C-alpha cells in the first residue's frame, strides 16, 4: 500500500486533512493503526461509535456489562465459572455415591470371601496399579471368582464378562497342569 493510499484511508476513517494524516503516518513509521492512535491521543480523531477505542478491541455494551459484573451470558457460554464448579461437584458426588453403593465381591467355591466398594477399587487401581492388577489376575488362577453387585453394576452383562475372565483363567490353569503332567510322564 502506498503512502498516498494509507493517507487516504486514514483520512476516511478520521476526517483529518492530508497534512495531518501524513504527519501521523510519519510519526508512526507508516503504521495506520499507530497513526489512528496518535491522532486519537491528540484529539484530532474521534473514537469509534459505541464507546470503543482505536487502541484495543471494541466490546459491545451488552457483553461489556456481563463481563464487568463477573458473569457470562448463560445462553452463549454455558454459565459462570461458579456454576460450572457446582455442576462438577454434583457430578463427583453422584459418582462417589454410585461407587460406594456398588461392590466387587470375591467368591471361592460359592463361598463369599470379601466385598469391596468400587470407589476403593478405583483408588487402588489409581495409586497401586502395579500391585492391584497382578493380585487380581493371580487370584483368578487360585479359583477366586469376582462379580459386581449393586444397583448400577450388578447386571448380568457386567458379571458375564467377569465370569468369562474367570473361565479363561481356569482354562489356562488346566492346560498348564496338563502340559506339566505330560512333561513329567515323558521324563519318567
N, C-alpha and C. Protein backbone atom coordinates (compact mmCIF):
# COMPACT_ATOMS: atom_id res chain seq x y z
N UNK A 1 0.85 -1.16 0.00
CA UNK A 1 0.00 0.00 0.00
C UNK A 1 0.90 1.23 0.00
N UNK A 2 0.63 2.14 -0.89
CA UNK A 2 1.46 3.34 -1.00
C UNK A 2 1.12 4.33 0.12
N UNK A 3 2.01 5.31 0.28
CA UNK A 3 1.80 6.33 1.31
C UNK A 3 0.51 7.11 1.05
N UNK A 4 0.23 7.34 -0.22
CA UNK A 4 -0.98 8.08 -0.58
C UNK A 4 -2.23 7.29 -0.20
N UNK A 5 -2.21 5.98 -0.47
CA UNK A 5 -3.36 5.14 -0.12
C UNK A 5 -3.55 5.08 1.39
N UNK A 6 -2.44 4.97 2.13
CA UNK A 6 -2.52 4.95 3.59
C UNK A 6 -3.09 6.26 4.12
N UNK A 7 -2.62 7.37 3.56
CA UNK A 7 -3.12 8.69 3.99
C UNK A 7 -4.59 8.83 3.66
N UNK A 8 -5.02 8.31 2.51
CA UNK A 8 -6.43 8.38 2.12
C UNK A 8 -7.30 7.56 3.08
N UNK A 9 -6.86 6.34 3.41
CA UNK A 9 -7.62 5.50 4.36
C UNK A 9 -7.71 6.18 5.72
N UNK A 10 -6.60 6.71 6.18
CA UNK A 10 -6.57 7.38 7.48
C UNK A 10 -7.48 8.60 7.46
N UNK A 11 -7.49 9.32 6.38
CA UNK A 11 -8.34 10.49 6.24
C UNK A 11 -9.81 10.09 6.24
N UNK A 12 -10.15 8.97 5.55
CA UNK A 12 -11.54 8.49 5.52
C UNK A 12 -12.02 8.09 6.91
N UNK A 13 -11.16 7.41 7.66
CA UNK A 13 -11.54 6.92 8.98
C UNK A 13 -11.66 8.03 10.02
N UNK A 14 -10.81 9.04 9.90
CA UNK A 14 -10.74 10.03 10.98
C UNK A 14 -11.30 11.39 10.60
N UNK A 15 -11.33 11.72 9.31
CA UNK A 15 -11.81 13.02 8.88
C UNK A 15 -10.77 14.12 8.99
N UNK A 16 -9.49 13.77 9.14
CA UNK A 16 -8.42 14.78 9.23
C UNK A 16 -7.97 15.15 7.83
N UNK A 17 -7.17 16.19 7.73
CA UNK A 17 -6.65 16.63 6.42
C UNK A 17 -5.50 15.71 5.99
N UNK A 18 -5.11 15.84 4.71
CA UNK A 18 -3.98 15.05 4.21
C UNK A 18 -2.70 15.38 4.98
N UNK A 19 -2.52 16.62 5.32
CA UNK A 19 -1.32 17.02 6.05
C UNK A 19 -1.26 16.34 7.41
N UNK A 20 -2.37 16.36 8.13
CA UNK A 20 -2.41 15.71 9.45
C UNK A 20 -2.25 14.20 9.32
N UNK A 21 -2.85 13.60 8.28
CA UNK A 21 -2.72 12.17 8.05
C UNK A 21 -1.27 11.80 7.74
N UNK A 22 -0.62 12.64 6.89
CA UNK A 22 0.79 12.40 6.53
C UNK A 22 1.68 12.52 7.76
N UNK A 23 1.43 13.53 8.58
CA UNK A 23 2.20 13.74 9.81
C UNK A 23 2.04 12.56 10.77
N UNK A 24 0.81 12.07 10.92
CA UNK A 24 0.55 10.92 11.81
C UNK A 24 1.23 9.67 11.30
N UNK A 25 1.21 9.46 9.98
CA UNK A 25 1.86 8.28 9.39
C UNK A 25 3.37 8.37 9.56
N UNK A 26 3.94 9.56 9.40
CA UNK A 26 5.38 9.72 9.59
C UNK A 26 5.75 9.46 11.05
N UNK A 27 4.93 9.93 11.97
CA UNK A 27 5.18 9.73 13.40
C UNK A 27 5.11 8.24 13.77
N UNK A 28 4.27 7.48 13.06
CA UNK A 28 4.07 6.06 13.38
C UNK A 28 4.79 5.13 12.41
N UNK A 29 5.75 5.66 11.66
CA UNK A 29 6.54 4.86 10.71
C UNK A 29 5.67 4.12 9.69
N UNK A 30 4.59 4.75 9.25
CA UNK A 30 3.75 4.18 8.21
C UNK A 30 2.70 3.20 8.68
N UNK A 31 2.57 2.97 9.97
CA UNK A 31 1.58 2.04 10.51
C UNK A 31 0.26 2.77 10.70
N UNK A 32 -0.79 2.32 10.00
CA UNK A 32 -2.08 3.01 10.04
C UNK A 32 -2.70 2.96 11.43
N UNK A 33 -2.64 1.81 12.09
CA UNK A 33 -3.23 1.68 13.43
C UNK A 33 -2.53 2.61 14.42
N UNK A 34 -1.21 2.65 14.38
CA UNK A 34 -0.48 3.56 15.27
C UNK A 34 -0.82 5.02 14.95
N UNK A 35 -1.02 5.30 13.67
CA UNK A 35 -1.38 6.66 13.27
C UNK A 35 -2.77 7.03 13.81
N UNK A 36 -3.71 6.08 13.78
CA UNK A 36 -5.04 6.31 14.34
C UNK A 36 -4.95 6.61 15.83
N UNK A 37 -4.15 5.83 16.53
CA UNK A 37 -3.98 6.04 17.98
C UNK A 37 -3.33 7.40 18.25
N UNK A 38 -2.35 7.74 17.45
CA UNK A 38 -1.67 9.03 17.60
C UNK A 38 -2.66 10.19 17.43
N UNK A 39 -3.50 10.09 16.38
CA UNK A 39 -4.49 11.14 16.14
C UNK A 39 -5.54 11.19 17.25
N UNK A 40 -5.91 10.03 17.76
CA UNK A 40 -6.89 9.97 18.86
C UNK A 40 -6.33 10.65 20.11
N UNK A 41 -5.07 10.37 20.42
CA UNK A 41 -4.45 10.97 21.60
C UNK A 41 -4.34 12.49 21.47
N UNK A 42 -4.15 12.97 20.24
CA UNK A 42 -4.06 14.41 20.01
C UNK A 42 -5.44 15.07 19.98
N UNK A 43 -6.50 14.25 19.96
CA UNK A 43 -7.84 14.80 19.93
C UNK A 43 -8.30 15.17 18.53
N UNK A 44 -7.54 14.78 17.51
CA UNK A 44 -7.88 15.12 16.12
C UNK A 44 -8.81 14.08 15.51
N UNK A 45 -8.90 12.90 16.14
CA UNK A 45 -9.77 11.84 15.64
C UNK A 45 -10.70 11.43 16.76
N UNK A 46 -11.96 11.27 16.41
CA UNK A 46 -12.95 10.84 17.41
C UNK A 46 -12.89 9.31 17.52
N UNK A 47 -13.05 8.79 18.73
CA UNK A 47 -13.08 7.34 18.86
C UNK A 47 -14.28 6.75 18.11
N UNK A 48 -14.24 5.50 17.76
CA UNK A 48 -15.35 4.91 17.03
C UNK A 48 -16.63 4.92 17.88
N UNK A 49 -17.78 4.88 17.23
CA UNK A 49 -19.04 4.89 17.98
C UNK A 49 -19.17 3.63 18.84
N UNK A 50 -19.93 3.73 19.92
CA UNK A 50 -20.15 2.57 20.79
C UNK A 50 -19.21 2.56 21.97
N UNK A 51 -18.42 3.57 22.15
CA UNK A 51 -17.57 3.64 23.33
C UNK A 51 -16.25 2.92 23.20
N UNK A 52 -15.91 2.40 22.02
CA UNK A 52 -14.65 1.70 21.85
C UNK A 52 -13.52 2.68 21.60
N UNK A 53 -12.32 2.15 21.49
CA UNK A 53 -11.15 2.96 21.24
C UNK A 53 -10.35 2.33 20.13
N UNK A 54 -9.55 3.12 19.46
CA UNK A 54 -8.67 2.58 18.44
C UNK A 54 -7.57 1.74 19.06
N UNK A 55 -7.31 1.94 20.34
CA UNK A 55 -6.18 1.28 21.00
C UNK A 55 -6.39 -0.21 21.19
N UNK A 56 -7.59 -0.65 21.30
CA UNK A 56 -7.83 -2.06 21.59
C UNK A 56 -9.08 -2.55 20.90
N UNK A 57 -9.55 -3.69 21.33
CA UNK A 57 -10.72 -4.30 20.74
C UNK A 57 -11.96 -3.66 21.35
N UNK A 58 -12.90 -3.31 20.52
CA UNK A 58 -14.15 -2.74 20.99
C UNK A 58 -15.09 -3.87 21.38
N UNK A 59 -15.70 -3.77 22.54
CA UNK A 59 -16.61 -4.80 23.03
C UNK A 59 -18.01 -4.21 23.08
N UNK A 60 -19.01 -4.88 22.49
CA UNK A 60 -20.37 -4.36 22.55
C UNK A 60 -20.82 -4.20 24.01
N UNK A 61 -21.68 -3.20 24.25
CA UNK A 61 -22.10 -2.87 25.61
C UNK A 61 -22.75 -4.03 26.34
N UNK A 62 -23.57 -4.85 25.66
CA UNK A 62 -24.26 -5.94 26.35
C UNK A 62 -23.27 -6.97 26.91
N UNK A 63 -22.19 -7.23 26.19
CA UNK A 63 -21.19 -8.16 26.69
C UNK A 63 -20.28 -7.50 27.72
N UNK A 64 -20.04 -6.21 27.54
CA UNK A 64 -19.19 -5.48 28.48
C UNK A 64 -19.83 -5.48 29.87
N UNK A 65 -21.16 -5.27 29.94
CA UNK A 65 -21.84 -5.25 31.23
C UNK A 65 -21.76 -6.61 31.91
N UNK A 66 -21.98 -7.70 31.16
CA UNK A 66 -21.91 -9.03 31.79
C UNK A 66 -20.47 -9.37 32.16
N UNK A 67 -19.50 -8.88 31.38
CA UNK A 67 -18.11 -9.11 31.72
C UNK A 67 -17.74 -8.36 32.99
N UNK A 68 -18.19 -7.10 33.08
CA UNK A 68 -17.89 -6.29 34.25
C UNK A 68 -18.50 -6.86 35.52
N UNK A 69 -19.66 -7.46 35.43
CA UNK A 69 -20.31 -7.99 36.62
C UNK A 69 -19.75 -9.35 37.02
N UNK A 70 -18.84 -9.89 36.23
CA UNK A 70 -18.20 -11.17 36.57
C UNK A 70 -19.01 -12.37 36.13
N UNK A 71 -20.08 -12.14 35.39
CA UNK A 71 -20.91 -13.24 34.92
C UNK A 71 -20.92 -13.24 33.40
N UNK A 72 -21.05 -14.43 32.84
CA UNK A 72 -21.16 -14.56 31.40
C UNK A 72 -22.62 -14.72 31.02
N UNK A 73 -22.90 -14.56 29.74
CA UNK A 73 -24.23 -14.79 29.23
C UNK A 73 -24.46 -16.30 29.22
N UNK A 74 -25.39 -16.85 30.04
CA UNK A 74 -25.55 -18.30 30.14
C UNK A 74 -25.91 -18.95 28.81
N UNK A 75 -26.68 -18.28 27.97
CA UNK A 75 -27.05 -18.88 26.70
C UNK A 75 -25.86 -18.98 25.76
N UNK A 76 -24.91 -18.06 25.92
CA UNK A 76 -23.78 -18.01 24.99
C UNK A 76 -22.62 -18.87 25.44
N UNK A 77 -22.30 -18.89 26.72
CA UNK A 77 -21.08 -19.54 27.18
C UNK A 77 -21.31 -20.65 28.20
N UNK A 78 -22.52 -21.04 28.49
CA UNK A 78 -22.75 -22.16 29.38
C UNK A 78 -22.72 -21.82 30.86
N UNK A 79 -22.77 -20.59 31.25
CA UNK A 79 -22.83 -20.23 32.66
C UNK A 79 -21.50 -19.73 33.18
N UNK A 80 -21.54 -19.31 34.41
CA UNK A 80 -20.33 -18.77 35.02
C UNK A 80 -19.43 -19.88 35.54
N UNK A 81 -18.27 -19.50 35.98
CA UNK A 81 -17.31 -20.47 36.50
C UNK A 81 -17.86 -21.14 37.76
N UNK A 82 -18.53 -20.39 38.61
CA UNK A 82 -19.07 -20.98 39.83
C UNK A 82 -20.17 -21.99 39.51
N UNK A 83 -20.99 -21.71 38.48
CA UNK A 83 -22.00 -22.69 38.06
C UNK A 83 -21.34 -23.96 37.55
N UNK A 84 -20.28 -23.81 36.80
CA UNK A 84 -19.55 -24.95 36.29
C UNK A 84 -18.97 -25.79 37.43
N UNK A 85 -18.43 -25.12 38.44
CA UNK A 85 -17.86 -25.83 39.59
C UNK A 85 -18.95 -26.55 40.39
N UNK A 86 -20.12 -25.94 40.50
CA UNK A 86 -21.24 -26.59 41.20
C UNK A 86 -21.68 -27.85 40.46
N UNK A 87 -21.78 -27.75 39.14
CA UNK A 87 -22.16 -28.93 38.35
C UNK A 87 -21.11 -30.03 38.47
N UNK A 88 -19.84 -29.64 38.43
CA UNK A 88 -18.76 -30.62 38.58
C UNK A 88 -18.83 -31.28 39.96
N UNK A 89 -19.09 -30.48 40.99
CA UNK A 89 -19.21 -31.02 42.35
C UNK A 89 -20.37 -32.00 42.47
N UNK A 90 -21.51 -31.66 41.89
CA UNK A 90 -22.66 -32.58 41.93
C UNK A 90 -22.35 -33.87 41.19
N UNK A 91 -21.67 -33.76 40.04
CA UNK A 91 -21.30 -34.96 39.29
C UNK A 91 -20.35 -35.84 40.09
N UNK A 92 -19.36 -35.24 40.74
CA UNK A 92 -18.40 -36.03 41.52
C UNK A 92 -19.07 -36.67 42.73
N UNK A 93 -20.02 -35.98 43.36
CA UNK A 93 -20.75 -36.57 44.49
C UNK A 93 -21.62 -37.74 44.02
N UNK A 94 -22.25 -37.60 42.86
CA UNK A 94 -23.04 -38.70 42.31
C UNK A 94 -22.15 -39.89 41.99
N UNK A 95 -21.00 -39.63 41.41
CA UNK A 95 -20.05 -40.69 41.09
C UNK A 95 -19.57 -41.39 42.36
N UNK A 96 -19.28 -40.62 43.39
CA UNK A 96 -18.85 -41.19 44.67
C UNK A 96 -19.96 -42.04 45.29
N UNK A 97 -21.19 -41.55 45.21
CA UNK A 97 -22.33 -42.31 45.74
C UNK A 97 -22.48 -43.65 45.01
N UNK A 98 -22.41 -43.60 43.68
CA UNK A 98 -22.54 -44.85 42.90
C UNK A 98 -21.39 -45.80 43.21
N UNK A 99 -20.20 -45.24 43.39
CA UNK A 99 -19.05 -46.09 43.71
C UNK A 99 -19.16 -46.73 45.08
N UNK A 100 -19.85 -46.07 46.01
CA UNK A 100 -19.99 -46.61 47.36
C UNK A 100 -21.20 -47.53 47.51
N UNK A 101 -22.11 -47.53 46.55
CA UNK A 101 -23.27 -48.42 46.63
C UNK A 101 -23.13 -49.64 45.73
N UNK A 102 -22.05 -49.75 44.99
CA UNK A 102 -21.77 -50.91 44.15
C UNK A 102 -20.49 -51.56 44.67
N UNK A 103 -20.46 -52.89 44.66
CA UNK A 103 -19.35 -53.62 45.28
C UNK A 103 -18.76 -54.64 44.32
N UNK A 104 -17.49 -54.91 44.52
CA UNK A 104 -16.82 -56.04 43.87
C UNK A 104 -16.76 -57.14 44.92
N UNK A 105 -17.35 -58.27 44.59
CA UNK A 105 -17.37 -59.40 45.52
C UNK A 105 -16.42 -60.48 45.03
N UNK A 106 -15.72 -61.10 45.97
CA UNK A 106 -14.84 -62.22 45.65
C UNK A 106 -15.45 -63.48 46.25
N UNK A 107 -15.48 -64.55 45.48
CA UNK A 107 -16.04 -65.84 45.93
C UNK A 107 -15.09 -66.96 45.53
N UNK A 108 -15.04 -67.96 46.37
CA UNK A 108 -14.27 -69.16 46.04
C UNK A 108 -15.13 -70.36 46.39
N UNK A 109 -15.41 -71.15 45.37
CA UNK A 109 -16.25 -72.33 45.58
C UNK A 109 -17.64 -71.98 46.08
N UNK A 110 -18.18 -70.85 45.66
CA UNK A 110 -19.51 -70.45 46.07
C UNK A 110 -19.55 -69.74 47.42
N UNK A 111 -18.43 -69.72 48.14
CA UNK A 111 -18.36 -69.08 49.45
C UNK A 111 -17.87 -67.64 49.31
N UNK A 112 -18.57 -66.73 49.97
CA UNK A 112 -18.23 -65.31 49.91
C UNK A 112 -16.96 -65.06 50.72
N UNK A 113 -15.93 -64.45 50.08
CA UNK A 113 -14.67 -64.17 50.77
C UNK A 113 -14.66 -62.72 51.26
N UNK A 114 -14.89 -61.76 50.35
CA UNK A 114 -14.93 -60.35 50.75
C UNK A 114 -15.69 -59.52 49.72
N UNK A 115 -16.09 -58.32 50.17
CA UNK A 115 -16.71 -57.31 49.29
C UNK A 115 -15.92 -56.02 49.44
N UNK A 116 -15.78 -55.33 48.33
CA UNK A 116 -15.02 -54.07 48.33
C UNK A 116 -15.80 -53.04 47.53
N UNK A 117 -16.06 -51.84 48.09
CA UNK A 117 -16.75 -50.82 47.30
C UNK A 117 -15.94 -50.46 46.05
N UNK A 118 -16.64 -50.15 44.99
CA UNK A 118 -15.99 -49.84 43.72
C UNK A 118 -15.10 -48.60 43.87
N UNK A 119 -15.47 -47.67 44.74
CA UNK A 119 -14.65 -46.48 44.96
C UNK A 119 -13.26 -46.88 45.46
N UNK A 120 -13.21 -47.81 46.40
CA UNK A 120 -11.92 -48.28 46.93
C UNK A 120 -11.13 -48.99 45.83
N UNK A 121 -11.82 -49.79 45.03
CA UNK A 121 -11.16 -50.49 43.93
C UNK A 121 -10.55 -49.51 42.94
N UNK A 122 -11.28 -48.46 42.59
CA UNK A 122 -10.76 -47.45 41.66
C UNK A 122 -9.55 -46.75 42.26
N UNK A 123 -9.61 -46.41 43.54
CA UNK A 123 -8.46 -45.76 44.20
C UNK A 123 -7.26 -46.69 44.23
N UNK A 124 -7.48 -47.98 44.47
CA UNK A 124 -6.38 -48.94 44.44
C UNK A 124 -5.75 -49.01 43.04
N UNK A 125 -6.60 -49.00 42.02
CA UNK A 125 -6.06 -49.02 40.66
C UNK A 125 -5.31 -47.74 40.33
N UNK A 126 -5.77 -46.61 40.83
CA UNK A 126 -5.10 -45.35 40.53
C UNK A 126 -3.74 -45.28 41.22
N UNK A 127 -3.68 -45.61 42.51
CA UNK A 127 -2.46 -45.40 43.29
C UNK A 127 -1.55 -46.63 43.36
N UNK A 128 -2.12 -47.83 43.22
CA UNK A 128 -1.32 -49.06 43.35
C UNK A 128 -1.61 -50.01 42.18
N UNK A 129 -1.62 -49.48 40.97
CA UNK A 129 -1.98 -50.27 39.79
C UNK A 129 -1.10 -51.51 39.65
N UNK A 130 0.21 -51.35 39.80
CA UNK A 130 1.14 -52.45 39.55
C UNK A 130 1.09 -53.51 40.63
N UNK A 131 0.39 -53.27 41.71
CA UNK A 131 0.19 -54.29 42.75
C UNK A 131 -1.21 -54.88 42.63
N UNK A 132 -2.20 -54.02 42.43
CA UNK A 132 -3.60 -54.44 42.42
C UNK A 132 -3.91 -55.37 41.24
N UNK A 133 -3.54 -54.98 40.05
CA UNK A 133 -3.86 -55.78 38.87
C UNK A 133 -3.23 -57.17 38.92
N UNK A 134 -1.93 -57.30 39.22
CA UNK A 134 -1.37 -58.65 39.30
C UNK A 134 -2.03 -59.50 40.39
N UNK A 135 -2.36 -58.91 41.52
CA UNK A 135 -3.03 -59.68 42.58
C UNK A 135 -4.39 -60.19 42.13
N UNK A 136 -5.13 -59.36 41.42
CA UNK A 136 -6.44 -59.80 40.91
C UNK A 136 -6.28 -60.91 39.88
N UNK A 137 -5.31 -60.78 38.99
CA UNK A 137 -5.10 -61.80 37.95
C UNK A 137 -4.60 -63.10 38.57
N UNK A 138 -3.65 -63.02 39.49
CA UNK A 138 -3.12 -64.23 40.13
C UNK A 138 -4.21 -64.93 40.93
N UNK A 139 -5.06 -64.15 41.59
CA UNK A 139 -6.12 -64.77 42.39
C UNK A 139 -7.09 -65.55 41.52
N UNK A 140 -7.24 -65.17 40.25
CA UNK A 140 -8.10 -65.93 39.33
C UNK A 140 -7.57 -67.35 39.15
N UNK A 141 -6.25 -67.52 39.17
CA UNK A 141 -5.65 -68.85 39.00
C UNK A 141 -5.78 -69.71 40.26
N UNK A 142 -6.13 -69.11 41.37
CA UNK A 142 -6.36 -69.85 42.61
C UNK A 142 -7.85 -70.11 42.84
N UNK A 143 -8.66 -69.95 41.79
CA UNK A 143 -10.07 -70.31 41.86
C UNK A 143 -10.98 -69.22 42.42
N UNK A 144 -10.49 -68.03 42.60
CA UNK A 144 -11.34 -66.95 43.10
C UNK A 144 -12.06 -66.33 41.91
N UNK A 145 -13.36 -66.15 42.06
CA UNK A 145 -14.19 -65.54 41.02
C UNK A 145 -14.71 -64.22 41.54
N UNK A 146 -14.74 -63.25 40.64
CA UNK A 146 -15.20 -61.91 41.01
C UNK A 146 -16.52 -61.62 40.32
N UNK A 147 -17.34 -60.83 41.01
CA UNK A 147 -18.59 -60.35 40.42
C UNK A 147 -18.93 -59.01 41.05
N UNK A 148 -19.69 -58.23 40.33
CA UNK A 148 -20.15 -56.94 40.84
C UNK A 148 -21.56 -57.08 41.36
N UNK A 149 -21.84 -56.38 42.44
CA UNK A 149 -23.20 -56.33 42.98
C UNK A 149 -23.55 -54.87 43.24
N UNK A 150 -24.81 -54.59 43.17
CA UNK A 150 -25.27 -53.22 43.40
C UNK A 150 -26.24 -52.82 42.31
N UNK A 151 -26.83 -51.67 42.51
CA UNK A 151 -27.88 -51.19 41.62
C UNK A 151 -27.36 -50.92 40.21
N UNK A 152 -26.17 -50.37 40.07
CA UNK A 152 -25.67 -49.96 38.77
C UNK A 152 -24.81 -51.01 38.08
N UNK A 153 -23.99 -51.72 38.83
CA UNK A 153 -23.05 -52.67 38.22
C UNK A 153 -23.45 -54.13 38.39
N UNK A 154 -24.51 -54.41 39.11
CA UNK A 154 -24.89 -55.79 39.37
C UNK A 154 -25.66 -56.44 38.24
N UNK A 155 -25.48 -55.97 37.03
CA UNK A 155 -26.21 -56.50 35.88
C UNK A 155 -25.54 -57.77 35.37
N UNK A 156 -26.34 -58.56 34.66
CA UNK A 156 -25.83 -59.81 34.10
C UNK A 156 -24.75 -59.57 33.06
N UNK A 157 -24.88 -58.52 32.27
CA UNK A 157 -23.90 -58.25 31.21
C UNK A 157 -22.51 -58.00 31.79
N UNK A 158 -22.45 -57.27 32.90
CA UNK A 158 -21.16 -56.99 33.53
C UNK A 158 -20.59 -58.26 34.15
N UNK A 159 -21.43 -59.02 34.84
CA UNK A 159 -20.95 -60.23 35.52
C UNK A 159 -20.64 -61.36 34.53
N UNK A 160 -21.23 -61.33 33.34
CA UNK A 160 -20.87 -62.31 32.31
C UNK A 160 -19.42 -62.11 31.88
N UNK A 161 -19.02 -60.86 31.76
CA UNK A 161 -17.63 -60.56 31.41
C UNK A 161 -16.69 -61.05 32.52
N UNK A 162 -17.08 -60.82 33.77
CA UNK A 162 -16.25 -61.28 34.90
C UNK A 162 -16.16 -62.81 34.91
N UNK A 163 -17.26 -63.48 34.62
CA UNK A 163 -17.23 -64.94 34.57
C UNK A 163 -16.36 -65.43 33.41
N UNK A 164 -16.39 -64.73 32.30
CA UNK A 164 -15.55 -65.12 31.16
C UNK A 164 -14.07 -65.01 31.52
N UNK A 165 -13.70 -63.97 32.24
CA UNK A 165 -12.30 -63.82 32.66
C UNK A 165 -11.92 -64.97 33.59
N UNK A 166 -12.81 -65.35 34.49
CA UNK A 166 -12.52 -66.47 35.40
C UNK A 166 -12.42 -67.78 34.63
N UNK A 167 -13.30 -67.99 33.64
CA UNK A 167 -13.25 -69.21 32.83
C UNK A 167 -11.96 -69.29 32.03
N UNK A 168 -11.50 -68.19 31.49
CA UNK A 168 -10.23 -68.18 30.74
C UNK A 168 -9.08 -68.54 31.67
N UNK A 169 -9.09 -67.98 32.87
CA UNK A 169 -8.03 -68.31 33.83
C UNK A 169 -8.08 -69.80 34.18
N UNK A 170 -9.29 -70.37 34.34
CA UNK A 170 -9.41 -71.80 34.63
C UNK A 170 -8.89 -72.64 33.47
N UNK A 171 -9.19 -72.24 32.22
CA UNK A 171 -8.71 -72.98 31.05
C UNK A 171 -7.19 -72.93 30.95
N UNK A 172 -6.61 -71.77 31.20
CA UNK A 172 -5.15 -71.64 31.16
C UNK A 172 -4.52 -72.52 32.24
N UNK A 173 -5.12 -72.51 33.42
CA UNK A 173 -4.61 -73.33 34.54
C UNK A 173 -4.69 -74.82 34.20
N UNK A 174 -5.79 -75.26 33.61
CA UNK A 174 -5.96 -76.67 33.23
C UNK A 174 -4.94 -77.07 32.16
N UNK A 175 -4.76 -76.24 31.14
CA UNK A 175 -3.81 -76.58 30.08
C UNK A 175 -2.39 -76.60 30.63
N UNK A 176 -2.07 -75.71 31.56
CA UNK A 176 -0.74 -75.69 32.16
C UNK A 176 -0.51 -76.97 32.98
N UNK A 177 -1.50 -77.36 33.77
CA UNK A 177 -1.34 -78.58 34.60
C UNK A 177 -1.27 -79.82 33.71
N UNK A 178 -2.05 -79.85 32.62
CA UNK A 178 -1.99 -81.00 31.70
C UNK A 178 -0.63 -81.08 31.03
N UNK A 179 -0.09 -79.95 30.59
CA UNK A 179 1.22 -79.94 29.97
C UNK A 179 2.30 -80.34 30.96
N UNK A 180 2.16 -79.92 32.21
CA UNK A 180 3.12 -80.29 33.24
C UNK A 180 3.08 -81.80 33.50
N UNK A 181 1.87 -82.39 33.55
CA UNK A 181 1.72 -83.83 33.77
C UNK A 181 2.32 -84.61 32.59
N UNK A 182 2.09 -84.13 31.37
CA UNK A 182 2.63 -84.81 30.18
C UNK A 182 4.16 -84.75 30.20
N UNK A 183 4.72 -83.61 30.60
CA UNK A 183 6.16 -83.45 30.66
C UNK A 183 6.75 -84.37 31.74
N UNK A 184 6.07 -84.44 32.90
CA UNK A 184 6.55 -85.31 33.97
C UNK A 184 6.47 -86.78 33.56
N UNK A 185 5.41 -87.16 32.85
CA UNK A 185 5.24 -88.55 32.41
C UNK A 185 6.29 -88.89 31.35
N UNK A 186 6.64 -87.95 30.50
CA UNK A 186 7.63 -88.21 29.45
C UNK A 186 9.03 -88.33 30.05
N UNK A 187 9.29 -87.63 31.15
CA UNK A 187 10.60 -87.70 31.78
C UNK A 187 10.79 -89.03 32.51
N UNK A 188 9.74 -89.67 32.96
CA UNK A 188 9.85 -90.93 33.68
C UNK A 188 9.96 -92.03 32.73
